[in-house]
Amino acid sequence: MSEDPPATKYVVEIVTPEKPPSTPKQYVQDLKGVAGGKQIARMKKEAVACPVLNKTVSFVQCFACPNFIRRVKGKVDCKGLPLPPA
């Protein structure tokens, strides 16, 4: 049986700002086994305007978010569901 793909609520553009937002260390640690060092370094230089948090966040934080679906051609598909309180 095939499972329906997750519904995309937002399509967010990935930007490379002059001064990237800071990336919390917990997100970088979560990606250590998933992505290589060079890939993580490149991802830390990218940012997205998060529609859920209503602020600009590092792409690493976006990638670790439970709402992240996929990244295709400079855009991120997001479920847009509310995040549990931290």
PDB file of N, CA and C in Angstrom:
ATOM      1  N   MET A   1       0.835  -1.182   0.000  1.00  0.00           N
ATOM      2  CA  MET A   1       0.000   0.000   0.000  1.00  0.00           C
ATOM      3  C   MET A   1       0.877   1.241   0.000  1.00  0.00           C
ATOM      4  N   SER A   2       0.500   2.213  -0.792  1.00  0.00           N
ATOM      5  CA  SER A   2       1.292   3.439  -0.840  1.00  0.00           C
ATOM      6  C   SER A   2       0.729   4.447   0.154  1.00  0.00           C
ATOM      7  N   GLU A   3       1.658   5.169   0.768  1.00  0.00           N
ATOM      8  CA  GLU A   3       1.277   6.172   1.744  1.00  0.00           C
ATOM      9  C   GLU A   3       1.235   7.526   1.052  1.00  0.00           C
ATOM     10  N   ASP A   4       0.239   8.362   1.371  1.00  0.00           N
ATOM     11  CA  ASP A   4       0.139   9.681   0.766  1.00  0.00           C
ATOM     12  C   ASP A   4       1.323  10.543   1.207  1.00  0.00           C
ATOM     13  N   PRO A   5       1.869  11.348   0.299  1.00  0.00           N
ATOM     14  CA  PRO A   5       2.959  12.238   0.703  1.00  0.00           C
ATOM     15  C   PRO A   5       2.429  13.302   1.658  1.00  0.00           C
ATOM     16  N   PRO A   6       3.290  13.835   2.538  1.00  0.00           N
ATOM     17  CA  PRO A   6       2.833  14.863   3.472  1.00  0.00           C
ATOM     18  C   PRO A   6       2.384  16.115   2.727  1.00  0.00           C
ATOM     19  N   ALA A   7       1.377  16.776   3.255  1.00  0.00           N
ATOM     20  CA  ALA A   7       0.833  17.966   2.617  1.00  0.00           C
ATOM     21  C   ALA A   7       1.769  19.152   2.827  1.00  0.00           C
ATOM     22  N   THR A   8       2.106  19.831   1.750  1.00  0.00           N
ATOM     23  CA  THR A   8       2.959  21.007   1.820  1.00  0.00           C
ATOM     24  C   THR A   8       2.082  22.231   2.010  1.00  0.00           C
ATOM     25  N   LYS A   9       2.299  22.940   3.113  1.00  0.00           N
ATOM     26  CA  LYS A   9       1.529  24.153   3.376  1.00  0.00           C
ATOM     27  C   LYS A   9       2.297  25.386   2.905  1.00  0.00           C
ATOM     28  N   TYR A  10       3.622  25.370   3.078  1.00  0.00           N
ATOM     29  CA  TYR A  10       4.462  26.502   2.681  1.00  0.00           C
ATOM     30  C   TYR A  10       5.602  26.028   1.789  1.00  0.00           C
ATOM     31  N   VAL A  11       5.967  26.872   0.834  1.00  0.00           N
ATOM     32  CA  VAL A  11       7.180  26.668   0.048  1.00  0.00           C
ATOM     33  C   VAL A  11       8.037  27.901   0.324  1.00  0.00           C
ATOM     34  N   VAL A  12       9.170  27.687   0.984  1.00  0.00           N
ATOM     35  CA  VAL A  12      10.005  28.785   1.465  1.00  0.00           C
ATOM     36  C   VAL A  12      11.297  28.845   0.662  1.00  0.00           C
ATOM     37  N   GLU A  13      11.672  30.036   0.258  1.00  0.00           N
ATOM     38  CA  GLU A  13      12.906  30.274  -0.510  1.00  0.00           C
ATOM     39  C   GLU A  13      14.123  30.237   0.415  1.00  0.00           C
ATOM     40  N   ILE A  14      15.195  29.581  -0.037  1.00  0.00           N
ATOM     41  CA  ILE A  14      16.456  29.559   0.711  1.00  0.00           C
ATOM     42  C   ILE A  14      17.304  30.728   0.227  1.00  0.00           C
ATOM     43  N   VAL A  15      17.831  31.516   1.164  1.00  0.00           N
ATOM     44  CA  VAL A  15      18.658  32.673   0.819  1.00  0.00           C
ATOM     45  C   VAL A  15      20.036  32.521   1.453  1.00  0.00           C
ATOM     46  N   THR A  16      21.008  33.226   0.897  1.00  0.00           N
ATOM     47  CA  THR A  16      22.359  33.253   1.458  1.00  0.00           C
ATOM     48  C   THR A  16      22.630  34.687   1.898  1.00  0.00           C
ATOM     49  N   PRO A  17      22.307  35.018   3.166  1.00  0.00           N
ATOM     50  CA  PRO A  17      22.489  36.401   3.626  1.00  0.00           C
ATOM     51  C   PRO A  17      23.962  36.745   3.807  1.00  0.00           C
ATOM     52  N   GLU A  18      24.237  38.050   3.854  1.00  0.00           N
ATOM     53  CA  GLU A  18      25.609  38.508   4.054  1.00  0.00           C
ATOM     54  C   GLU A  18      26.123  38.048   5.420  1.00  0.00           C
ATOM     55  N   LYS A  19      25.264  38.147   6.446  1.00  0.00           N
ATOM     56  CA  LYS A  19      25.609  37.668   7.783  1.00  0.00           C
ATOM     57  C   LYS A  19      24.566  36.618   8.171  1.00  0.00           C
ATOM     58  N   PRO A  20      24.922  35.337   8.099  1.00  0.00           N
ATOM     59  CA  PRO A  20      23.948  34.287   8.408  1.00  0.00           C
ATOM     60  C   PRO A  20      23.544  34.293   9.876  1.00  0.00           C
ATOM     61  N   PRO A  21      22.304  33.870  10.185  1.00  0.00           N
ATOM     62  CA  PRO A  21      21.886  33.797  11.588  1.00  0.00           C
ATOM     63  C   PRO A  21      22.672  32.723  12.329  1.00  0.00           C
ATOM     64  N   SER A  22      22.776  32.887  13.638  1.00  0.00           N
ATOM     65  CA  SER A  22      23.523  31.899  14.422  1.00  0.00           C
ATOM     66  C   SER A  22      22.777  30.572  14.437  1.00  0.00           C
ATOM     67  N   THR A  23      23.536  29.484  14.487  1.00  0.00           N
ATOM     68  CA  THR A  23      22.968  28.140  14.495  1.00  0.00           C
ATOM     69  C   THR A  23      23.181  27.520  15.860  1.00  0.00           C
ATOM     70  N   PRO A  24      22.104  27.180  16.583  1.00  0.00           N
ATOM     71  CA  PRO A  24      22.280  26.524  17.880  1.00  0.00           C
ATOM     72  C   PRO A  24      23.062  25.217  17.741  1.00  0.00           C
ATOM     73  N   LYS A  25      23.961  24.955  18.671  1.00  0.00           N
ATOM     74  CA  LYS A  25      24.849  23.794  18.593  1.00  0.00           C
ATOM     75  C   LYS A  25      24.095  22.465  18.603  1.00  0.00           C
ATOM     76  N   GLN A  26      22.913  22.416  19.251  1.00  0.00           N
ATOM     77  CA  GLN A  26      22.171  21.160  19.318  1.00  0.00           C
ATOM     78  C   GLN A  26      21.770  20.670  17.927  1.00  0.00           C
ATOM     79  N   TYR A  27      21.436  21.594  17.019  1.00  0.00           N
ATOM     80  CA  TYR A  27      21.040  21.206  15.670  1.00  0.00           C
ATOM     81  C   TYR A  27      22.231  20.672  14.880  1.00  0.00           C
ATOM     82  N   VAL A  28      23.395  21.283  15.079  1.00  0.00           N
ATOM     83  CA  VAL A  28      24.604  20.825  14.391  1.00  0.00           C
ATOM     84  C   VAL A  28      24.964  19.425  14.877  1.00  0.00           C
ATOM     85  N   GLN A  29      24.852  19.183  16.183  1.00  0.00           N
ATOM     86  CA  GLN A  29      25.153  17.863  16.734  1.00  0.00           C
ATOM     87  C   GLN A  29      24.197  16.801  16.193  1.00  0.00           C
ATOM     88  N   ASP A  30      22.923  17.177  16.007  1.00  0.00           N
ATOM     89  CA  ASP A  30      21.932  16.234  15.474  1.00  0.00           C
ATOM     90  C   ASP A  30      22.258  15.818  14.041  1.00  0.00           C
ATOM     91  N   LEU A  31      22.934  16.696  13.291  1.00  0.00           N
ATOM     92  CA  LEU A  31      23.231  16.413  11.887  1.00  0.00           C
ATOM     93  C   LEU A  31      24.564  15.703  11.682  1.00  0.00           C
ATOM     94  N   LYS A  32      25.373  15.552  12.720  1.00  0.00           N
ATOM     95  CA  LYS A  32      26.723  14.989  12.567  1.00  0.00           C
ATOM     96  C   LYS A  32      26.733  13.656  11.816  1.00  0.00           C
ATOM     97  N   GLY A  33      25.842  12.731  12.108  1.00  0.00           N
ATOM     98  CA  GLY A  33      25.843  11.434  11.442  1.00  0.00           C
ATOM     99  C   GLY A  33      25.113  11.430  10.115  1.00  0.00           C
ATOM    100  N   VAL A  34      24.299  12.466   9.861  1.00  0.00           N
ATOM    101  CA  VAL A  34      23.458  12.508   8.663  1.00  0.00           C
ATOM    102  C   VAL A  34      24.178  13.165   7.486  1.00  0.00           C
ATOM    103  N   ALA A  35      24.883  14.262   7.760  1.00  0.00           N
ATOM    104  CA  ALA A  35      25.535  15.021   6.694  1.00  0.00           C
ATOM    105  C   ALA A  35      27.023  15.166   6.995  1.00  0.00           C
ATOM    106  N   GLY A  36      27.806  15.389   5.942  1.00  0.00           N
ATOM    107  CA  GLY A  36      29.240  15.577   6.083  1.00  0.00           C
ATOM    108  C   GLY A  36      29.586  16.968   6.575  1.00  0.00           C
ATOM    109  N   GLY A  37      30.820  17.163   6.998  1.00  0.00           N
ATOM    110  CA  GLY A  37      31.276  18.439   7.528  1.00  0.00           C
ATOM    111  C   GLY A  37      31.155  19.592   6.551  1.00  0.00           C
ATOM    112  N   LYS A  38      31.538  19.368   5.294  1.00  0.00           N
ATOM    113  CA  LYS A  38      31.452  20.427   4.287  1.00  0.00           C
ATOM    114  C   LYS A  38      29.995  20.799   4.015  1.00  0.00           C
ATOM    115  N   GLN A  39      29.145  19.801   3.992  1.00  0.00           N
ATOM    116  CA  GLN A  39      27.725  20.051   3.732  1.00  0.00           C
ATOM    117  C   GLN A  39      27.102  20.843   4.885  1.00  0.00           C
ATOM    118  N   ILE A  40      27.449  20.495   6.121  1.00  0.00           N
ATOM    119  CA  ILE A  40      26.935  21.224   7.279  1.00  0.00           C
ATOM    120  C   ILE A  40      27.437  22.665   7.258  1.00  0.00           C
ATOM    121  N   ALA A  41      28.706  22.864   6.911  1.00  0.00           N
ATOM    122  CA  ALA A  41      29.275  24.210   6.845  1.00  0.00           C
ATOM    123  C   ALA A  41      28.536  25.060   5.812  1.00  0.00           C
ATOM    124  N   ARG A  42      28.196  24.478   4.672  1.00  0.00           N
ATOM    125  CA  ARG A  42      27.462  25.210   3.637  1.00  0.00           C
ATOM    126  C   ARG A  42      26.039  25.521   4.107  1.00  0.00           C
ATOM    127  N   MET A  43      25.414  24.552   4.792  1.00  0.00           N
ATOM    128  CA  MET A  43      24.054  24.743   5.283  1.00  0.00           C
ATOM    129  C   MET A  43      23.993  25.836   6.351  1.00  0.00           C
ATOM    130  N   LYS A  44      25.054  25.988   7.144  1.00  0.00           N
ATOM    131  CA  LYS A  44      25.088  27.019   8.178  1.00  0.00           C
ATOM    132  C   LYS A  44      25.141  28.422   7.578  1.00  0.00           C
ATOM    133  N   LYS A  45      25.565  28.545   6.331  1.00  0.00           N
ATOM    134  CA  LYS A  45      25.655  29.845   5.668  1.00  0.00           C
ATOM    135  C   LYS A  45      24.353  30.232   4.989  1.00  0.00           C
ATOM    136  N   GLU A  46      23.376  29.321   4.968  1.00  0.00           N
ATOM    137  CA  GLU A  46      22.090  29.580   4.324  1.00  0.00           C
ATOM    138  C   GLU A  46      21.025  29.856   5.374  1.00  0.00           C
ATOM    139  N   ALA A  47      19.961  30.553   4.959  1.00  0.00           N
ATOM    140  CA  ALA A  47      18.890  30.894   5.886  1.00  0.00           C
ATOM    141  C   ALA A  47      17.542  30.806   5.179  1.00  0.00           C
ATOM    142  N   VAL A  48      16.490  30.671   5.983  1.00  0.00           N
ATOM    143  CA  VAL A  48      15.114  30.673   5.470  1.00  0.00           C
ATOM    144  C   VAL A  48      14.261  31.563   6.369  1.00  0.00           C
ATOM    145  N   ALA A  49      13.219  32.154   5.788  1.00  0.00           N
ATOM    146  CA  ALA A  49      12.249  32.931   6.564  1.00  0.00           C
ATOM    147  C   ALA A  49      11.181  31.953   7.035  1.00  0.00           C
ATOM    148  N   CYS A  50      11.322  31.455   8.240  1.00  0.00           N
ATOM    149  CA  CYS A  50      10.440  30.410   8.768  1.00  0.00           C
ATOM    150  C   CYS A  50       9.024  30.945   8.966  1.00  0.00           C
ATOM    151  N   PRO A  51       8.019  30.350   8.296  1.00  0.00           N
ATOM    152  CA  PRO A  51       6.639  30.816   8.457  1.00  0.00           C
ATOM    153  C   PRO A  51       6.016  30.367   9.779  1.00  0.00           C
ATOM    154  N   VAL A  52       6.571  29.340  10.409  1.00  0.00           N
ATOM    155  CA  VAL A  52       6.029  28.834  11.675  1.00  0.00           C
ATOM    156  C   VAL A  52       6.525  29.681  12.842  1.00  0.00           C
ATOM    157  N   LEU A  53       7.833  29.979  12.861  1.00  0.00           N
ATOM    158  CA  LEU A  53       8.424  30.778  13.943  1.00  0.00           C
ATOM    159  C   LEU A  53       8.342  32.280  13.664  1.00  0.00           C
ATOM    160  N   ASN A  54       7.996  32.660  12.441  1.00  0.00           N
ATOM    161  CA  ASN A  54       7.906  34.064  12.015  1.00  0.00           C
ATOM    162  C   ASN A  54       9.220  34.817  12.203  1.00  0.00           C
ATOM    163  N   LYS A  55      10.343  34.151  11.876  1.00  0.00           N
ATOM    164  CA  LYS A  55      11.641  34.813  11.917  1.00  0.00           C
ATOM    165  C   LYS A  55      12.596  34.094  10.970  1.00  0.00           C
ATOM    166  N   THR A  56      13.724  34.728  10.695  1.00  0.00           N
ATOM    167  CA  THR A  56      14.735  34.122   9.839  1.00  0.00           C
ATOM    168  C   THR A  56      15.591  33.192  10.680  1.00  0.00           C
ATOM    169  N   VAL A  57      15.715  31.941  10.225  1.00  0.00           N
ATOM    170  CA  VAL A  57      16.503  30.947  10.958  1.00  0.00           C
ATOM    171  C   VAL A  57      17.525  30.318  10.012  1.00  0.00           C
ATOM    172  N   SER A  58      18.541  29.721  10.577  1.00  0.00           N
ATOM    173  CA  SER A  58      19.555  29.012   9.812  1.00  0.00           C
ATOM    174  C   SER A  58      18.909  27.809   9.120  1.00  0.00           C
ATOM    175  N   PHE A  59      19.419  27.440   7.954  1.00  0.00           N
ATOM    176  CA  PHE A  59      18.855  26.282   7.260  1.00  0.00           C
ATOM    177  C   PHE A  59      19.063  25.005   8.063  1.00  0.00           C
ATOM    178  N   VAL A  60      20.115  24.933   8.870  1.00  0.00           N
ATOM    179  CA  VAL A  60      20.358  23.754   9.707  1.00  0.00           C
ATOM    180  C   VAL A  60      19.185  23.558  10.663  1.00  0.00           C
ATOM    181  N   GLN A  61      18.706  24.659  11.258  1.00  0.00           N
ATOM    182  CA  GLN A  61      17.571  24.585  12.174  1.00  0.00           C
ATOM    183  C   GLN A  61      16.305  24.180  11.412  1.00  0.00           C
ATOM    184  N   CYS A  62      16.130  24.681  10.217  1.00  0.00           N
ATOM    185  CA  CYS A  62      14.983  24.320   9.378  1.00  0.00           C
ATOM    186  C   CYS A  62      15.030  22.833   9.022  1.00  0.00           C
ATOM    187  N   PHE A  63      16.217  22.355   8.668  1.00  0.00           N
ATOM    188  CA  PHE A  63      16.388  20.962   8.264  1.00  0.00           C
ATOM    189  C   PHE A  63      16.066  20.007   9.413  1.00  0.00           C
ATOM    190  N   ALA A  64      16.372  20.405  10.649  1.00  0.00           N
ATOM    191  CA  ALA A  64      16.124  19.565  11.818  1.00  0.00           C
ATOM    192  C   ALA A  64      14.683  19.666  12.327  1.00  0.00           C
ATOM    193  N   CYS A  65      13.910  20.588  11.788  1.00  0.00           N
ATOM    194  CA  CYS A  65      12.531  20.813  12.242  1.00  0.00           C
ATOM    195  C   CYS A  65      11.622  19.655  11.808  1.00  0.00           C
ATOM    196  N   PRO A  66      10.647  19.256  12.642  1.00  0.00           N
ATOM    197  CA  PRO A  66       9.718  18.192  12.253  1.00  0.00           C
ATOM    198  C   PRO A  66       8.803  18.578  11.089  1.00  0.00           C
ATOM    199  N   ASN A  67       8.684  19.877  10.791  1.00  0.00           N
ATOM    200  CA  ASN A  67       7.863  20.333   9.663  1.00  0.00           C
ATOM    201  C   ASN A  67       8.579  20.237   8.321  1.00  0.00           C
ATOM    202  N   PHE A  68       9.899  20.034   8.331  1.00  0.00           N
ATOM    203  CA  PHE A  68      10.679  19.954   7.091  1.00  0.00           C
ATOM    204  C   PHE A  68      10.258  18.722   6.295  1.00  0.00           C
ATOM    205  N   ILE A  69       9.953  18.928   5.004  1.00  0.00           N
ATOM    206  CA  ILE A  69       9.588  17.804   4.133  1.00  0.00           C
ATOM    207  C   ILE A  69      10.728  17.497   3.173  1.00  0.00           C
ATOM    208  N   ARG A  70      11.118  18.497   2.365  1.00  0.00           N
ATOM    209  CA  ARG A  70      12.186  18.280   1.382  1.00  0.00           C
ATOM    210  C   ARG A  70      12.737  19.630   0.927  1.00  0.00           C
ATOM    211  N   ARG A  71      13.932  19.564   0.329  1.00  0.00           N
ATOM    212  CA  ARG A  71      14.572  20.731  -0.273  1.00  0.00           C
ATOM    213  C   ARG A  71      14.747  20.435  -1.744  1.00  0.00           C
ATOM    214  N   VAL A  72      14.195  21.292  -2.611  1.00  0.00           N
ATOM    215  CA  VAL A  72      14.298  21.098  -4.046  1.00  0.00           C
ATOM    216  C   VAL A  72      14.550  22.446  -4.714  1.00  0.00           C
ATOM    217  N   LYS A  73      15.626  22.531  -5.480  1.00  0.00           N
ATOM    218  CA  LYS A  73      15.952  23.708  -6.298  1.00  0.00           C
ATOM    219  C   LYS A  73      15.876  25.036  -5.532  1.00  0.00           C
ATOM    220  N   GLY A  74      16.520  25.104  -4.370  1.00  0.00           N
ATOM    221  CA  GLY A  74      16.575  26.351  -3.623  1.00  0.00           C
ATOM    222  C   GLY A  74      15.314  26.694  -2.863  1.00  0.00           C
ATOM    223  N   LYS A  75      14.410  25.742  -2.719  1.00  0.00           N
ATOM    224  CA  LYS A  75      13.178  25.957  -1.974  1.00  0.00           C
ATOM    225  C   LYS A  75      12.972  24.814  -0.985  1.00  0.00           C
ATOM    226  N   VAL A  76      12.288  25.101   0.120  1.00  0.00           N
ATOM    227  CA  VAL A  76      12.003  24.123   1.155  1.00  0.00           C
ATOM    228  C   VAL A  76      10.494  23.947   1.250  1.00  0.00           C
ATOM    229  N   ASP A  77      10.039  22.709   1.258  1.00  0.00           N
ATOM    230  CA  ASP A  77       8.630  22.412   1.485  1.00  0.00           C
ATOM    231  C   ASP A  77       8.438  22.211   2.984  1.00  0.00           C
ATOM    232  N   CYS A  78       7.431  22.903   3.550  1.00  0.00           N
ATOM    233  CA  CYS A  78       7.185  22.887   4.991  1.00  0.00           C
ATOM    234  C   CYS A  78       5.747  22.488   5.269  1.00  0.00           C
ATOM    235  N   LYS A  79       5.538  21.645   6.285  1.00  0.00           N
ATOM    236  CA  LYS A  79       4.174  21.229   6.676  1.00  0.00           C
ATOM    237  C   LYS A  79       3.411  22.384   7.296  1.00  0.00           C
ATOM    238  N   GLY A  80       4.093  23.282   8.006  1.00  0.00           N
ATOM    239  CA  GLY A  80       3.450  24.457   8.608  1.00  0.00           C
ATOM    240  C   GLY A  80       2.652  24.158   9.862  1.00  0.00           C
ATOM    241  N   LEU A  81       2.894  23.017  10.503  1.00  0.00           N
ATOM    242  CA  LEU A  81       2.185  22.677  11.727  1.00  0.00           C
ATOM    243  C   LEU A  81       2.799  23.423  12.920  1.00  0.00           C
ATOM    244  N   PRO A  82       2.000  23.712  13.962  1.00  0.00           N
ATOM    245  CA  PRO A  82       2.573  24.379  15.134  1.00  0.00           C
ATOM    246  C   PRO A  82       3.614  23.483  15.813  1.00  0.00           C
ATOM    247  N   LEU A  83       4.665  24.089  16.304  1.00  0.00           N
ATOM    248  CA  LEU A  83       5.730  23.334  16.976  1.00  0.00           C
ATOM    249  C   LEU A  83       5.403  23.182  18.452  1.00  0.00           C
ATOM    250  N   PRO A  84       5.775  22.037  19.048  1.00  0.00           N
ATOM    251  CA  PRO A  84       5.561  21.870  20.488  1.00  0.00           C
ATOM    252  C   PRO A  84       6.434  22.851  21.260  1.00  0.00           C
ATOM    253  N   PRO A  85       5.983  23.329  22.412  1.00  0.00           N
ATOM    254  CA  PRO A  85       6.801  24.272  23.185  1.00  0.00           C
ATOM    255  C   PRO A  85       8.111  23.627  23.638  1.00  0.00           C
ATOM    256  N   ALA A  86       9.163  24.420  23.590  1.00  0.00           N
ATOM    257  CA  ALA A  86      10.501  23.888  23.932  1.00  0.00           C
ATOM    258  C   ALA A  86      10.752  23.894  25.409  1.00  0.00           C
TER     259      ALA A  86
END
